[in-house]
N, C-alpha and C. Protein backbone atom coordinates (compact mmCIF):
# COMPACT_ATOMS: atom_id res chain seq x y z
N MET A 1 -19.81 -1.83 -2.21
CA MET A 1 -18.47 -2.07 -1.68
C MET A 1 -18.54 -2.46 -0.20
N TRP A 2 -19.30 -1.68 0.59
CA TRP A 2 -19.38 -1.98 2.02
C TRP A 2 -20.09 -3.30 2.28
N GLU A 3 -21.07 -3.61 1.41
CA GLU A 3 -21.78 -4.88 1.58
C GLU A 3 -20.82 -6.05 1.42
N LYS A 4 -19.91 -5.91 0.45
CA LYS A 4 -18.94 -6.99 0.21
C LYS A 4 -18.02 -7.15 1.41
N MET A 5 -17.59 -6.04 1.98
CA MET A 5 -16.70 -6.12 3.14
C MET A 5 -17.43 -6.71 4.34
N LEU A 6 -18.68 -6.30 4.54
CA LEU A 6 -19.44 -6.84 5.65
C LEU A 6 -19.69 -8.32 5.45
N TYR A 7 -19.98 -8.70 4.21
CA TYR A 7 -20.22 -10.12 3.93
C TYR A 7 -18.95 -10.93 4.17
N CYS A 8 -17.82 -10.33 3.84
CA CYS A 8 -16.54 -11.01 3.99
C CYS A 8 -16.23 -11.27 5.46
N TYR A 9 -16.63 -10.35 6.34
CA TYR A 9 -16.32 -10.49 7.76
C TYR A 9 -17.50 -11.00 8.57
N SER A 10 -18.47 -11.59 7.90
CA SER A 10 -19.61 -12.13 8.65
C SER A 10 -19.20 -13.43 9.33
N ASP A 11 -20.12 -13.98 10.11
CA ASP A 11 -19.83 -15.21 10.85
C ASP A 11 -19.95 -16.46 9.98
N GLU A 12 -20.33 -16.28 8.73
CA GLU A 12 -20.47 -17.44 7.85
C GLU A 12 -19.11 -18.03 7.56
N PRO A 13 -19.02 -19.36 7.45
CA PRO A 13 -17.74 -19.96 7.06
C PRO A 13 -17.33 -19.53 5.66
N ILE A 14 -16.03 -19.53 5.42
CA ILE A 14 -15.50 -19.07 4.14
C ILE A 14 -16.03 -19.91 2.99
N TRP A 15 -16.18 -21.23 3.22
CA TRP A 15 -16.56 -22.10 2.11
C TRP A 15 -18.04 -21.99 1.74
N ASN A 16 -18.83 -21.19 2.48
CA ASN A 16 -20.24 -20.99 2.13
C ASN A 16 -20.43 -19.78 1.22
N VAL A 17 -19.38 -19.32 0.57
CA VAL A 17 -19.47 -18.12 -0.25
C VAL A 17 -20.24 -18.44 -1.53
N ARG A 18 -20.91 -17.41 -2.05
CA ARG A 18 -21.65 -17.58 -3.31
C ARG A 18 -20.68 -17.38 -4.47
N PRO A 19 -20.57 -18.36 -5.36
CA PRO A 19 -19.65 -18.19 -6.50
C PRO A 19 -20.15 -17.19 -7.54
N ASP A 20 -21.38 -16.67 -7.38
CA ASP A 20 -21.89 -15.71 -8.37
C ASP A 20 -21.31 -14.32 -8.16
N ASP A 21 -20.54 -14.11 -7.12
CA ASP A 21 -19.88 -12.83 -6.89
C ASP A 21 -18.38 -13.01 -7.14
N PRO A 22 -17.91 -12.75 -8.36
CA PRO A 22 -16.53 -13.08 -8.70
C PRO A 22 -15.49 -12.28 -7.91
N PHE A 23 -15.82 -11.03 -7.54
CA PHE A 23 -14.87 -10.22 -6.78
C PHE A 23 -14.58 -10.86 -5.42
N LEU A 24 -15.65 -11.19 -4.72
CA LEU A 24 -15.51 -11.78 -3.40
C LEU A 24 -14.90 -13.17 -3.49
N TYR A 25 -15.28 -13.91 -4.51
CA TYR A 25 -14.77 -15.28 -4.68
C TYR A 25 -13.26 -15.25 -4.90
N ARG A 26 -12.79 -14.32 -5.75
CA ARG A 26 -11.34 -14.21 -5.99
C ARG A 26 -10.60 -13.81 -4.71
N ASN A 27 -11.19 -12.92 -3.95
CA ASN A 27 -10.55 -12.49 -2.70
C ASN A 27 -10.41 -13.65 -1.73
N ILE A 28 -11.45 -14.48 -1.65
CA ILE A 28 -11.41 -15.60 -0.71
C ILE A 28 -10.40 -16.64 -1.17
N ILE A 29 -10.33 -16.89 -2.48
CA ILE A 29 -9.32 -17.83 -3.00
C ILE A 29 -7.92 -17.29 -2.70
N ALA A 30 -7.72 -15.99 -2.92
CA ALA A 30 -6.41 -15.38 -2.63
C ALA A 30 -6.09 -15.48 -1.14
N MET A 31 -7.09 -15.27 -0.29
CA MET A 31 -6.86 -15.34 1.15
C MET A 31 -6.49 -16.77 1.56
N LYS A 32 -7.18 -17.76 1.00
CA LYS A 32 -6.84 -19.16 1.31
C LYS A 32 -5.42 -19.48 0.85
N CYS A 33 -5.04 -19.04 -0.35
CA CYS A 33 -3.69 -19.29 -0.85
C CYS A 33 -2.65 -18.62 0.05
N TYR A 34 -2.95 -17.40 0.49
CA TYR A 34 -2.04 -16.67 1.37
C TYR A 34 -1.85 -17.40 2.70
N ILE A 35 -2.95 -17.87 3.28
CA ILE A 35 -2.88 -18.57 4.57
C ILE A 35 -2.09 -19.86 4.42
N ILE A 36 -2.36 -20.62 3.36
CA ILE A 36 -1.64 -21.88 3.14
C ILE A 36 -0.16 -21.62 2.91
N THR A 37 0.16 -20.59 2.10
CA THR A 37 1.56 -20.28 1.82
C THR A 37 2.29 -19.86 3.10
N ARG A 38 1.65 -19.03 3.91
CA ARG A 38 2.28 -18.61 5.17
C ARG A 38 2.50 -19.79 6.09
N TRP A 39 1.52 -20.69 6.15
CA TRP A 39 1.65 -21.87 7.01
C TRP A 39 2.81 -22.74 6.53
N LEU A 40 2.90 -22.97 5.22
CA LEU A 40 3.98 -23.80 4.68
C LEU A 40 5.35 -23.16 4.94
N LEU A 41 5.46 -21.85 4.75
CA LEU A 41 6.73 -21.17 5.02
C LEU A 41 7.10 -21.25 6.50
N THR A 42 6.11 -21.11 7.37
CA THR A 42 6.38 -21.20 8.81
C THR A 42 6.89 -22.59 9.17
N VAL A 43 6.24 -23.62 8.64
CA VAL A 43 6.66 -24.99 8.92
C VAL A 43 8.07 -25.22 8.39
N LEU A 44 8.36 -24.72 7.19
CA LEU A 44 9.69 -24.89 6.60
C LEU A 44 10.76 -24.22 7.46
N VAL A 45 10.52 -22.98 7.87
CA VAL A 45 11.51 -22.25 8.68
C VAL A 45 11.71 -22.94 10.03
N MET A 46 10.62 -23.38 10.66
CA MET A 46 10.76 -24.05 11.95
C MET A 46 11.52 -25.36 11.81
N THR A 47 11.25 -26.11 10.73
CA THR A 47 11.97 -27.36 10.50
C THR A 47 13.45 -27.10 10.31
N LEU A 48 13.79 -26.08 9.52
CA LEU A 48 15.20 -25.76 9.31
C LEU A 48 15.88 -25.33 10.61
N CYS A 49 15.19 -24.54 11.42
CA CYS A 49 15.77 -24.10 12.70
C CYS A 49 16.00 -25.29 13.62
N ILE A 50 15.02 -26.17 13.73
CA ILE A 50 15.16 -27.34 14.60
C ILE A 50 16.28 -28.23 14.09
N TRP A 51 16.34 -28.45 12.78
CA TRP A 51 17.40 -29.28 12.20
C TRP A 51 18.77 -28.66 12.49
N HIS A 52 18.87 -27.35 12.36
CA HIS A 52 20.14 -26.66 12.61
C HIS A 52 20.59 -26.84 14.06
N VAL A 53 19.66 -26.66 14.99
CA VAL A 53 20.00 -26.80 16.41
C VAL A 53 20.43 -28.23 16.71
N ILE A 54 19.69 -29.22 16.21
CA ILE A 54 20.04 -30.62 16.45
C ILE A 54 21.39 -30.94 15.82
N HIS A 55 21.62 -30.44 14.62
CA HIS A 55 22.88 -30.70 13.94
C HIS A 55 24.05 -30.08 14.71
N GLN A 56 23.85 -28.86 15.22
CA GLN A 56 24.91 -28.22 16.01
C GLN A 56 25.20 -29.01 17.28
N GLU A 57 24.14 -29.50 17.94
CA GLU A 57 24.32 -30.28 19.17
C GLU A 57 25.09 -31.57 18.86
N LEU A 58 24.76 -32.21 17.74
CA LEU A 58 25.45 -33.44 17.37
C LEU A 58 26.92 -33.16 17.07
N MET A 59 27.18 -32.03 16.40
CA MET A 59 28.56 -31.70 16.05
C MET A 59 29.38 -31.38 17.31
N VAL A 60 28.76 -30.72 18.29
CA VAL A 60 29.47 -30.36 19.51
C VAL A 60 29.73 -31.60 20.35
N SER A 61 28.76 -32.50 20.44
CA SER A 61 28.90 -33.66 21.32
C SER A 61 29.75 -34.77 20.71
N ARG A 62 30.02 -34.70 19.42
CA ARG A 62 30.82 -35.74 18.76
C ARG A 62 32.30 -35.52 19.06
N PRO A 63 33.03 -36.58 19.43
CA PRO A 63 34.47 -36.40 19.68
C PRO A 63 35.21 -36.11 18.37
N PRO A 64 36.31 -35.36 18.44
CA PRO A 64 37.04 -35.03 17.21
C PRO A 64 37.65 -36.27 16.57
N VAL A 65 37.66 -36.28 15.26
CA VAL A 65 38.21 -37.41 14.51
C VAL A 65 39.68 -37.11 14.23
N PRO A 66 40.57 -38.01 14.64
CA PRO A 66 42.00 -37.77 14.37
C PRO A 66 42.27 -37.74 12.86
N GLY A 67 43.08 -36.78 12.45
CA GLY A 67 43.41 -36.66 11.03
C GLY A 67 42.42 -35.86 10.23
N HIS A 68 41.30 -35.46 10.84
CA HIS A 68 40.31 -34.67 10.12
C HIS A 68 40.80 -33.24 10.02
N LYS A 69 40.38 -32.54 8.97
CA LYS A 69 40.91 -31.19 8.75
C LYS A 69 40.51 -30.20 9.85
N LEU A 70 39.39 -30.47 10.56
CA LEU A 70 38.99 -29.57 11.64
C LEU A 70 39.64 -29.94 12.96
N HIS A 71 40.28 -31.11 13.04
CA HIS A 71 40.91 -31.56 14.28
C HIS A 71 42.21 -30.78 14.50
N VAL A 72 42.33 -30.17 15.69
CA VAL A 72 43.54 -29.38 15.99
C VAL A 72 44.46 -30.19 16.86
């Protein structure tokens, strides 16, 4: 067990793993999937936040349209 943990945290790159150790191989695949999923979610949330801010700025800077339901 400890050997697997030490091997996992060694200085070797992740892609140099031996596929003959299925436990470690599954863990590394799961770790890669987790990192990719977190990265994609972060990019999605940041894109939505930026879009929201830009959209709000455009709505504030746009003059009111006469006859529109939001026009007072």
